[in-house]
Amino acid sequence: MAARPQSVLFACTMNTVRSPMAEAIARHYFGREIYFASAGIKRGEPDGFAIAVMEEIGVDMSGHRPHTFEDLADASFDLIVTLSPEAHHKALEFTRTMAIDVVYWPTPDATATQGSRAQMLDAYRDVRDRLTTRIKELLGRGPVTGG
């Protein structure tokens, strides 16, 4: 990517786990320099596991209220990062007539994990940590690695 984006939209399916986590992480590290938002294809409900694993790293996501692409007040983003196949399709459709870069970061859906509370939390932590690494790589802090 040539220039660092000044505004980034993170998008996933329900705007309850992946995209709000990415938005919160990005704001935590780069919020004074770049505008961040998130949206989903459908509106879900706030996710307690996502809130809990973000609190572990000192990021408060408890105030997030899920919203959709249609809820966006402004569509003038430099970059849309999609985190699910459905969101990628929607973003490409959404930007069909706009000069907005769209990139796809395949990201596991932690809500699909089954098992104990500890196993669920581990799945959410994995998503959080993957997103943190990718965001730091994209925006200029941290080592650039594959994946």
C-alpha atoms as a PDB file:
ATOM      1  CA  MET A   1       0.000   0.000   0.000  1.00  0.00           C
ATOM      2  CA  ALA A   2       1.465   3.330  -1.042  1.00  0.00           C
ATOM      3  CA  ALA A   3       0.099   5.819   1.474  1.00  0.00           C
ATOM      4  CA  ARG A   4      -1.193   5.223   4.962  1.00  0.00           C
ATOM      5  CA  PRO A   5      -4.996   5.511   5.027  1.00  0.00           C
ATOM      6  CA  GLN A   6      -6.589   8.370   6.937  1.00  0.00           C
ATOM      7  CA  SER A   7      -9.906   6.565   7.415  1.00  0.00           C
ATOM      8  CA  VAL A   8     -10.528   2.825   7.723  1.00  0.00           C
ATOM      9  CA  LEU A   9     -13.742   0.823   7.920  1.00  0.00           C
ATOM     10  CA  PHE A  10     -13.598  -2.711   9.341  1.00  0.00           C
ATOM     11  CA  ALA A  11     -16.451  -4.937   8.184  1.00  0.00           C
ATOM     12  CA  CYS A  12     -17.707  -8.398   9.126  1.00  0.00           C
ATOM     13  CA  THR A  13     -20.992 -10.265   9.168  1.00  0.00           C
ATOM     14  CA  MET A  14     -22.762  -9.103  12.358  1.00  0.00           C
ATOM     15  CA  ASN A  15     -20.582  -6.227  13.669  1.00  0.00           C
ATOM     16  CA  THR A  16     -20.405  -7.922  17.077  1.00  0.00           C
ATOM     17  CA  VAL A  17     -16.961  -9.584  17.286  1.00  0.00           C
ATOM     18  CA  ARG A  18     -14.414  -9.252  14.478  1.00  0.00           C
ATOM     19  CA  SER A  19     -15.047  -5.768  13.101  1.00  0.00           C
ATOM     20  CA  PRO A  20     -15.694  -4.015  16.435  1.00  0.00           C
ATOM     21  CA  MET A  21     -12.606  -5.725  17.903  1.00  0.00           C
ATOM     22  CA  ALA A  22     -10.564  -4.476  14.940  1.00  0.00           C
ATOM     23  CA  GLU A  23     -12.020  -0.980  15.283  1.00  0.00           C
ATOM     24  CA  ALA A  24     -11.255  -0.882  19.027  1.00  0.00           C
ATOM     25  CA  ILE A  25      -7.706  -2.215  18.568  1.00  0.00           C
ATOM     26  CA  ALA A  26      -6.987   0.247  15.760  1.00  0.00           C
ATOM     27  CA  ARG A  27      -8.360   3.153  17.800  1.00  0.00           C
ATOM     28  CA  HIS A  28      -6.279   2.049  20.782  1.00  0.00           C
ATOM     29  CA  TYR A  29      -3.026   2.205  18.800  1.00  0.00           C
ATOM     30  CA  PHE A  30      -3.725   4.756  16.060  1.00  0.00           C
ATOM     31  CA  GLY A  31      -6.868   6.659  17.087  1.00  0.00           C
ATOM     32  CA  ARG A  32      -5.188  10.054  17.253  1.00  0.00           C
ATOM     33  CA  GLU A  33      -3.879   9.712  13.697  1.00  0.00           C
ATOM     34  CA  ILE A  34      -6.582   7.855  11.746  1.00  0.00           C
ATOM     35  CA  TYR A  35     -10.400   7.668  11.756  1.00  0.00           C
ATOM     36  CA  PHE A  36     -11.839   4.174  12.325  1.00  0.00           C
ATOM     37  CA  ALA A  37     -15.335   2.711  12.101  1.00  0.00           C
ATOM     38  CA  SER A  38     -16.924  -0.725  11.788  1.00  0.00           C
ATOM     39  CA  ALA A  39     -20.053  -2.191  10.241  1.00  0.00           C
ATOM     40  CA  GLY A  40     -21.696  -5.511   9.514  1.00  0.00           C
ATOM     41  CA  ILE A  41     -23.935  -7.032   6.889  1.00  0.00           C
ATOM     42  CA  LYS A  42     -26.543  -7.654   9.589  1.00  0.00           C
ATOM     43  CA  ARG A  43     -26.908  -6.074  13.010  1.00  0.00           C
ATOM     44  CA  GLY A  44     -26.119  -8.461  15.853  1.00  0.00           C
ATOM     45  CA  GLU A  45     -26.118  -8.108  19.627  1.00  0.00           C
ATOM     46  CA  PRO A  46     -23.082  -7.055  21.733  1.00  0.00           C
ATOM     47  CA  ASP A  47     -20.900 -10.086  22.548  1.00  0.00           C
ATOM     48  CA  GLY A  48     -19.746 -10.595  26.138  1.00  0.00           C
ATOM     49  CA  PHE A  49     -16.772 -12.773  25.195  1.00  0.00           C
ATOM     50  CA  ALA A  50     -15.474 -10.104  22.794  1.00  0.00           C
ATOM     51  CA  ILE A  51     -15.845  -7.429  25.467  1.00  0.00           C
ATOM     52  CA  ALA A  52     -14.056  -9.647  28.040  1.00  0.00           C
ATOM     53  CA  VAL A  53     -11.006 -10.450  25.887  1.00  0.00           C
ATOM     54  CA  MET A  54     -10.633  -6.805  24.887  1.00  0.00           C
ATOM     55  CA  GLU A  55     -10.721  -5.784  28.557  1.00  0.00           C
ATOM     56  CA  GLU A  56      -7.782  -8.172  29.114  1.00  0.00           C
ATOM     57  CA  ILE A  57      -5.612  -5.864  26.971  1.00  0.00           C
ATOM     58  CA  GLY A  58      -7.011  -2.665  28.466  1.00  0.00           C
ATOM     59  CA  VAL A  59      -9.414  -1.817  25.633  1.00  0.00           C
ATOM     60  CA  ASP A  60     -13.014  -0.998  26.563  1.00  0.00           C
ATOM     61  CA  MET A  61     -15.436  -2.183  23.898  1.00  0.00           C
ATOM     62  CA  SER A  62     -18.506  -2.238  26.161  1.00  0.00           C
ATOM     63  CA  GLY A  63     -20.002   0.879  24.571  1.00  0.00           C
ATOM     64  CA  HIS A  64     -20.047  -0.585  21.052  1.00  0.00           C
ATOM     65  CA  ARG A  65     -23.476  -0.869  19.467  1.00  0.00           C
ATOM     66  CA  PRO A  66     -23.609  -3.058  16.335  1.00  0.00           C
ATOM     67  CA  HIS A  67     -24.592  -1.369  13.094  1.00  0.00           C
ATOM     68  CA  THR A  68     -24.734  -2.075   9.367  1.00  0.00           C
ATOM     69  CA  PHE A  69     -23.316  -0.548   6.198  1.00  0.00           C
ATOM     70  CA  GLU A  70     -26.632   1.261   5.771  1.00  0.00           C
ATOM     71  CA  ASP A  71     -26.141   2.965   9.158  1.00  0.00           C
ATOM     72  CA  LEU A  72     -22.886   4.639   8.100  1.00  0.00           C
ATOM     73  CA  ALA A  73     -23.241   8.412   8.124  1.00  0.00           C
ATOM     74  CA  ASP A  74     -20.243   8.815   5.837  1.00  0.00           C
ATOM     75  CA  ALA A  75     -18.988   6.405   3.186  1.00  0.00           C
ATOM     76  CA  SER A  76     -15.782   8.254   2.359  1.00  0.00           C
ATOM     77  CA  PHE A  77     -13.188   5.791   3.635  1.00  0.00           C
ATOM     78  CA  ASP A  78      -9.702   5.344   2.194  1.00  0.00           C
ATOM     79  CA  LEU A  79      -9.746   1.641   3.005  1.00  0.00           C
ATOM     80  CA  ILE A  80     -12.269  -1.043   3.889  1.00  0.00           C
ATOM     81  CA  VAL A  81     -10.852  -4.136   5.592  1.00  0.00           C
ATOM     82  CA  THR A  82     -13.260  -7.052   5.357  1.00  0.00           C
ATOM     83  CA  LEU A  83     -13.045  -9.900   7.847  1.00  0.00           C
ATOM     84  CA  SER A  84     -15.622 -12.350   6.470  1.00  0.00           C
ATOM     85  CA  PRO A  85     -16.473 -13.510   2.937  1.00  0.00           C
ATOM     86  CA  GLU A  86     -19.979 -12.013   3.193  1.00  0.00           C
ATOM     87  CA  ALA A  87     -18.585  -8.647   4.257  1.00  0.00           C
ATOM     88  CA  HIS A  88     -16.066  -8.715   1.422  1.00  0.00           C
ATOM     89  CA  HIS A  89     -18.817  -9.238  -1.127  1.00  0.00           C
ATOM     90  CA  LYS A  90     -20.884  -6.425   0.435  1.00  0.00           C
ATOM     91  CA  ALA A  91     -17.898  -4.045   0.517  1.00  0.00           C
ATOM     92  CA  LEU A  92     -17.142  -4.654  -3.155  1.00  0.00           C
ATOM     93  CA  GLU A  93     -20.790  -3.955  -3.978  1.00  0.00           C
ATOM     94  CA  PHE A  94     -20.814  -0.902  -1.657  1.00  0.00           C
ATOM     95  CA  THR A  95     -17.706   0.621  -3.294  1.00  0.00           C
ATOM     96  CA  ARG A  96     -18.558  -0.237  -6.890  1.00  0.00           C
ATOM     97  CA  THR A  97     -18.737   3.456  -7.852  1.00  0.00           C
ATOM     98  CA  MET A  98     -16.186   4.777  -5.350  1.00  0.00           C
ATOM     99  CA  ALA A  99     -12.401   5.001  -5.260  1.00  0.00           C
ATOM    100  CA  ILE A 100     -12.006   3.029  -2.037  1.00  0.00           C
ATOM    101  CA  ASP A 101      -9.486   0.217  -1.572  1.00  0.00           C
ATOM    102  CA  VAL A 102     -10.980  -3.024  -0.240  1.00  0.00           C
ATOM    103  CA  VAL A 103      -8.813  -5.753   1.286  1.00  0.00           C
ATOM    104  CA  TYR A 104      -9.865  -9.128   2.679  1.00  0.00           C
ATOM    105  CA  TRP A 105      -8.329 -10.516   5.854  1.00  0.00           C
ATOM    106  CA  PRO A 106      -9.797 -14.011   6.353  1.00  0.00           C
ATOM    107  CA  THR A 107     -10.528 -14.075  10.080  1.00  0.00           C
ATOM    108  CA  PRO A 108     -12.013 -17.008  12.031  1.00  0.00           C
ATOM    109  CA  ASP A 109     -15.500 -16.606  13.463  1.00  0.00           C
ATOM    110  CA  ALA A 110     -14.967 -17.104  17.203  1.00  0.00           C
ATOM    111  CA  THR A 111     -18.709 -17.456  17.735  1.00  0.00           C
ATOM    112  CA  ALA A 112     -18.571 -20.788  15.851  1.00  0.00           C
ATOM    113  CA  THR A 113     -16.322 -22.282  18.551  1.00  0.00           C
ATOM    114  CA  GLN A 114     -17.918 -24.819  20.857  1.00  0.00           C
ATOM    115  CA  GLY A 115     -16.638 -26.112  24.161  1.00  0.00           C
ATOM    116  CA  SER A 116     -15.885 -24.829  27.618  1.00  0.00           C
ATOM    117  CA  ARG A 117     -15.763 -21.171  28.591  1.00  0.00           C
ATOM    118  CA  ALA A 118     -11.947 -21.400  28.528  1.00  0.00           C
ATOM    119  CA  GLN A 119     -11.990 -22.793  24.969  1.00  0.00           C
ATOM    120  CA  MET A 120     -14.396 -20.059  23.860  1.00  0.00           C
ATOM    121  CA  LEU A 121     -12.222 -17.340  25.391  1.00  0.00           C
ATOM    122  CA  ASP A 122      -9.136 -18.813  23.712  1.00  0.00           C
ATOM    123  CA  ALA A 123     -10.892 -18.603  20.320  1.00  0.00           C
ATOM    124  CA  TYR A 124     -11.762 -14.938  20.923  1.00  0.00           C
ATOM    125  CA  ARG A 125      -8.204 -14.197  22.113  1.00  0.00           C
ATOM    126  CA  ASP A 126      -6.866 -15.769  18.923  1.00  0.00           C
ATOM    127  CA  VAL A 127      -9.035 -13.439  16.810  1.00  0.00           C
ATOM    128  CA  ARG A 128      -7.991 -10.440  18.930  1.00  0.00           C
ATOM    129  CA  ASP A 129      -4.293 -11.270  18.628  1.00  0.00           C
ATOM    130  CA  ARG A 130      -4.475 -11.919  14.862  1.00  0.00           C
ATOM    131  CA  LEU A 131      -6.231  -8.604  14.332  1.00  0.00           C
ATOM    132  CA  THR A 132      -3.735  -6.740  16.511  1.00  0.00           C
ATOM    133  CA  THR A 133      -0.815  -8.115  14.490  1.00  0.00           C
ATOM    134  CA  ARG A 134      -2.413  -7.328  11.113  1.00  0.00           C
ATOM    135  CA  ILE A 135      -3.447  -3.809  12.143  1.00  0.00           C
ATOM    136  CA  LYS A 136       0.037  -2.967  13.425  1.00  0.00           C
ATOM    137  CA  GLU A 137       1.558  -4.314  10.199  1.00  0.00           C
ATOM    138  CA  LEU A 138      -0.880  -2.363   8.031  1.00  0.00           C
ATOM    139  CA  LEU A 139      -0.488   0.923   9.842  1.00  0.00           C
ATOM    140  CA  GLY A 140       3.200   0.826  10.588  1.00  0.00           C
ATOM    141  CA  ARG A 141       3.976  -0.541  14.027  1.00  0.00           C
ATOM    142  CA  GLY A 142       5.361  -3.987  14.592  1.00  0.00           C
ATOM    143  CA  PRO A 143       7.188  -6.504  12.432  1.00  0.00           C
ATOM    144  CA  VAL A 144       5.867  -7.410   9.024  1.00  0.00           C
ATOM    145  CA  THR A 145       5.295 -11.158   8.864  1.00  0.00           C
ATOM    146  CA  GLY A 146       3.364 -13.467   6.615  1.00  0.00           C
ATOM    147  CA  GLY A 147      -0.190 -14.521   7.211  1.00  0.00           C
END
